[in-house]
Amino acid sequence: MAVVAPINLILLSLFIFMVYMKLRPTPPVAYPKSKPTVFRTFTPRTLLPFNGIGDCPVYLAVNGRVFDVSAGRNFYGPGGPYANFAGRDASRGLACGSFDEGMLTKDLDGPLDTLQGLGAEEMDALRGWEERFQEKYLVVGKLVPAGSPEAEAAGR
């Protein structure tokens, strides 16, 4: 009759556990229950409702690209430090490192901010922000001025 050492029981238990972990059934992947995101064309006015209030996603534009920053709702949504940028073109504010309302375009039906007057250092900062957003968030559209042919085509 063989005597079983306690270390052998421990090793056998560990082996059985590892085999179970490898062969156990895995639950199906659960995808988020959200509407699919479609790349679309926005004007400043059509971007404005995407400010995170209620169940609405949080979008913001940087250098003509519209990003879905809903995953960062704590930062970009209502009450967050970057909430001024939600549903808006955040380019000038990010470039200047300012959250002031004055950094946002007031006339939603006018031309887009050309970023005129920004220096090389500010443009570098803007490119850095844009790269970070591209790495972290999904591009869901582009920002065009109201009344442009692209805006008219998107409105149909």
Protein backbone atom coordinates (compact mmCIF):
# COMPACT_ATOMS: atom_id res chain seq x y z
CA MET A 1 0.00 0.00 0.00
CA ALA A 2 1.44 3.35 -1.08
CA VAL A 3 1.57 6.29 1.26
CA VAL A 4 0.48 9.60 -0.29
CA ALA A 5 2.55 12.55 0.81
CA PRO A 6 0.72 15.84 1.47
CA ILE A 7 2.83 17.64 -1.15
CA ASN A 8 1.61 15.16 -3.78
CA LEU A 9 -2.01 15.93 -2.86
CA ILE A 10 -1.34 19.65 -3.15
CA LEU A 11 0.34 19.24 -6.55
CA LEU A 12 -2.46 17.00 -7.81
CA SER A 13 -5.08 19.51 -6.65
CA LEU A 14 -3.21 22.34 -8.35
CA PHE A 15 -2.95 20.32 -11.57
CA ILE A 16 -6.69 19.52 -11.55
CA PHE A 17 -7.53 23.18 -10.89
CA MET A 18 -5.34 24.35 -13.79
CA VAL A 19 -6.91 21.82 -16.17
CA TYR A 20 -10.38 22.97 -15.07
CA MET A 21 -9.48 26.65 -15.66
CA LYS A 22 -8.20 25.83 -19.13
CA LEU A 23 -11.17 23.68 -20.19
CA ARG A 24 -14.08 25.38 -18.43
CA PRO A 25 -16.75 26.95 -20.65
CA THR A 26 -16.43 30.69 -21.06
CA PRO A 27 -19.46 32.95 -20.98
CA PRO A 28 -20.33 34.67 -24.27
CA VAL A 29 -18.91 38.14 -24.81
CA ALA A 30 -21.39 40.81 -23.73
CA TYR A 31 -21.30 43.85 -25.97
CA PRO A 32 -22.52 47.21 -24.69
CA LYS A 33 -26.15 47.94 -25.45
CA SER A 34 -25.63 51.17 -27.31
CA LYS A 35 -26.54 52.37 -30.73
CA PRO A 36 -23.90 51.73 -33.39
CA THR A 37 -21.77 54.75 -34.17
CA VAL A 38 -21.80 55.90 -37.76
CA PHE A 39 -19.26 58.35 -39.16
CA ARG A 40 -21.15 61.51 -40.01
CA THR A 41 -20.74 65.16 -40.80
CA PHE A 42 -21.48 67.69 -38.05
CA THR A 43 -21.89 71.43 -38.00
CA PRO A 44 -21.34 73.33 -34.75
CA ARG A 45 -25.12 73.43 -34.23
CA THR A 46 -25.67 69.69 -34.87
CA LEU A 47 -22.72 68.83 -32.60
CA LEU A 48 -24.08 70.89 -29.69
CA PRO A 49 -26.70 68.33 -28.45
CA PHE A 50 -23.93 65.73 -27.89
CA ASN A 51 -23.02 67.23 -24.53
CA GLY A 52 -23.67 64.22 -22.29
CA ILE A 53 -26.82 65.56 -20.67
CA GLY A 54 -29.22 62.70 -20.02
CA ASP A 55 -28.45 59.59 -22.04
CA CYS A 56 -26.79 61.53 -24.84
CA PRO A 57 -23.19 60.61 -25.72
CA VAL A 58 -20.39 63.13 -25.23
CA TYR A 59 -18.73 64.31 -28.43
CA LEU A 60 -16.20 67.06 -28.98
CA ALA A 61 -14.29 68.29 -32.00
CA VAL A 62 -10.55 68.71 -32.24
CA ASN A 63 -9.03 70.12 -35.41
CA GLY A 64 -12.05 69.18 -37.52
CA ARG A 65 -12.44 65.63 -36.17
CA VAL A 66 -15.34 64.71 -33.91
CA PHE A 67 -14.48 62.27 -31.12
CA ASP A 68 -16.82 60.21 -28.97
CA VAL A 69 -15.40 60.90 -25.51
CA SER A 70 -18.30 59.23 -23.67
CA ALA A 71 -15.86 56.83 -22.04
CA GLY A 72 -14.35 59.89 -20.34
CA ARG A 73 -17.74 61.26 -19.24
CA ASN A 74 -16.30 62.11 -15.80
CA PHE A 75 -13.96 64.59 -17.51
CA TYR A 76 -15.94 65.78 -20.53
CA GLY A 77 -19.55 65.29 -19.40
CA PRO A 78 -21.71 67.49 -17.18
CA GLY A 79 -19.87 68.54 -14.04
CA GLY A 80 -16.48 67.48 -15.37
CA PRO A 81 -13.47 69.81 -15.64
CA TYR A 82 -13.67 69.81 -19.47
CA ALA A 83 -17.50 70.04 -19.63
CA ASN A 84 -17.32 73.35 -21.57
CA PHE A 85 -15.95 71.39 -24.52
CA ALA A 86 -18.79 68.83 -24.66
CA GLY A 87 -20.69 69.19 -27.92
CA ARG A 88 -18.31 71.91 -29.10
CA ASP A 89 -15.11 72.54 -31.04
CA ALA A 90 -12.47 72.29 -28.30
CA SER A 91 -9.48 73.05 -30.53
CA ARG A 92 -8.62 76.58 -29.39
CA GLY A 93 -9.23 75.83 -25.71
CA LEU A 94 -7.04 72.72 -25.77
CA ALA A 95 -4.31 74.52 -27.72
CA CYS A 96 -4.29 77.38 -25.22
CA GLY A 97 -4.80 75.21 -22.14
CA SER A 98 -7.89 77.23 -21.24
CA PHE A 99 -11.39 76.15 -20.25
CA ASP A 100 -12.85 79.65 -20.58
CA GLU A 101 -16.09 80.12 -22.50
CA GLY A 102 -14.22 82.71 -24.56
CA MET A 103 -12.26 79.89 -26.20
CA LEU A 104 -15.45 78.54 -27.79
CA THR A 105 -16.96 79.80 -31.03
CA LYS A 106 -20.07 81.83 -30.19
CA ASP A 107 -21.69 81.89 -33.66
CA LEU A 108 -22.73 78.28 -34.31
CA ASP A 109 -23.89 79.17 -37.82
CA GLY A 110 -20.76 81.12 -38.74
CA PRO A 111 -17.38 79.94 -39.99
CA LEU A 112 -15.29 77.45 -38.04
CA ASP A 113 -12.42 78.70 -35.92
CA THR A 114 -9.38 78.87 -38.21
CA LEU A 115 -7.12 78.92 -35.13
CA GLN A 116 -5.60 82.13 -36.44
CA GLY A 117 -3.34 83.81 -33.94
CA LEU A 118 -2.09 80.62 -32.32
CA GLY A 119 1.67 80.28 -32.07
CA ALA A 120 3.84 77.28 -32.85
CA GLU A 121 3.84 76.15 -29.22
CA GLU A 122 0.05 76.22 -29.06
CA MET A 123 -0.26 74.33 -32.35
CA ASP A 124 2.14 71.69 -30.99
CA ALA A 125 -0.03 71.39 -27.87
CA LEU A 126 -3.11 70.97 -30.08
CA ARG A 127 -1.40 68.22 -32.11
CA GLY A 128 -0.51 66.47 -28.86
CA TRP A 129 -4.13 66.58 -27.72
CA GLU A 130 -5.31 65.32 -31.10
CA GLU A 131 -2.89 62.38 -30.95
CA ARG A 132 -4.09 61.49 -27.44
CA PHE A 133 -7.70 61.59 -28.54
CA GLN A 134 -6.93 59.41 -31.57
CA GLU A 135 -5.28 56.82 -29.34
CA LYS A 136 -8.04 56.79 -26.76
CA TYR A 137 -11.35 57.63 -28.45
CA LEU A 138 -13.31 56.77 -31.56
CA VAL A 139 -13.57 59.32 -34.38
CA VAL A 140 -17.29 59.54 -35.15
CA GLY A 141 -17.33 62.32 -37.70
CA LYS A 142 -15.97 65.56 -38.98
CA LEU A 143 -16.87 69.15 -38.24
CA VAL A 144 -17.77 71.42 -41.15
CA PRO A 145 -19.14 74.96 -41.20
CA ALA A 146 -22.89 75.49 -41.42
CA GLY A 147 -23.99 76.25 -44.96
CA SER A 148 -21.09 74.41 -46.58
CA PRO A 149 -21.91 71.89 -49.37
CA GLU A 150 -20.90 69.04 -47.02
CA ALA A 151 -23.27 70.31 -44.33
CA GLU A 152 -26.08 70.64 -46.87
CA ALA A 153 -25.48 67.09 -48.14
CA ALA A 154 -25.46 65.74 -44.57
CA GLY A 155 -28.75 67.48 -43.81
CA ARG A 156 -30.61 65.57 -46.51
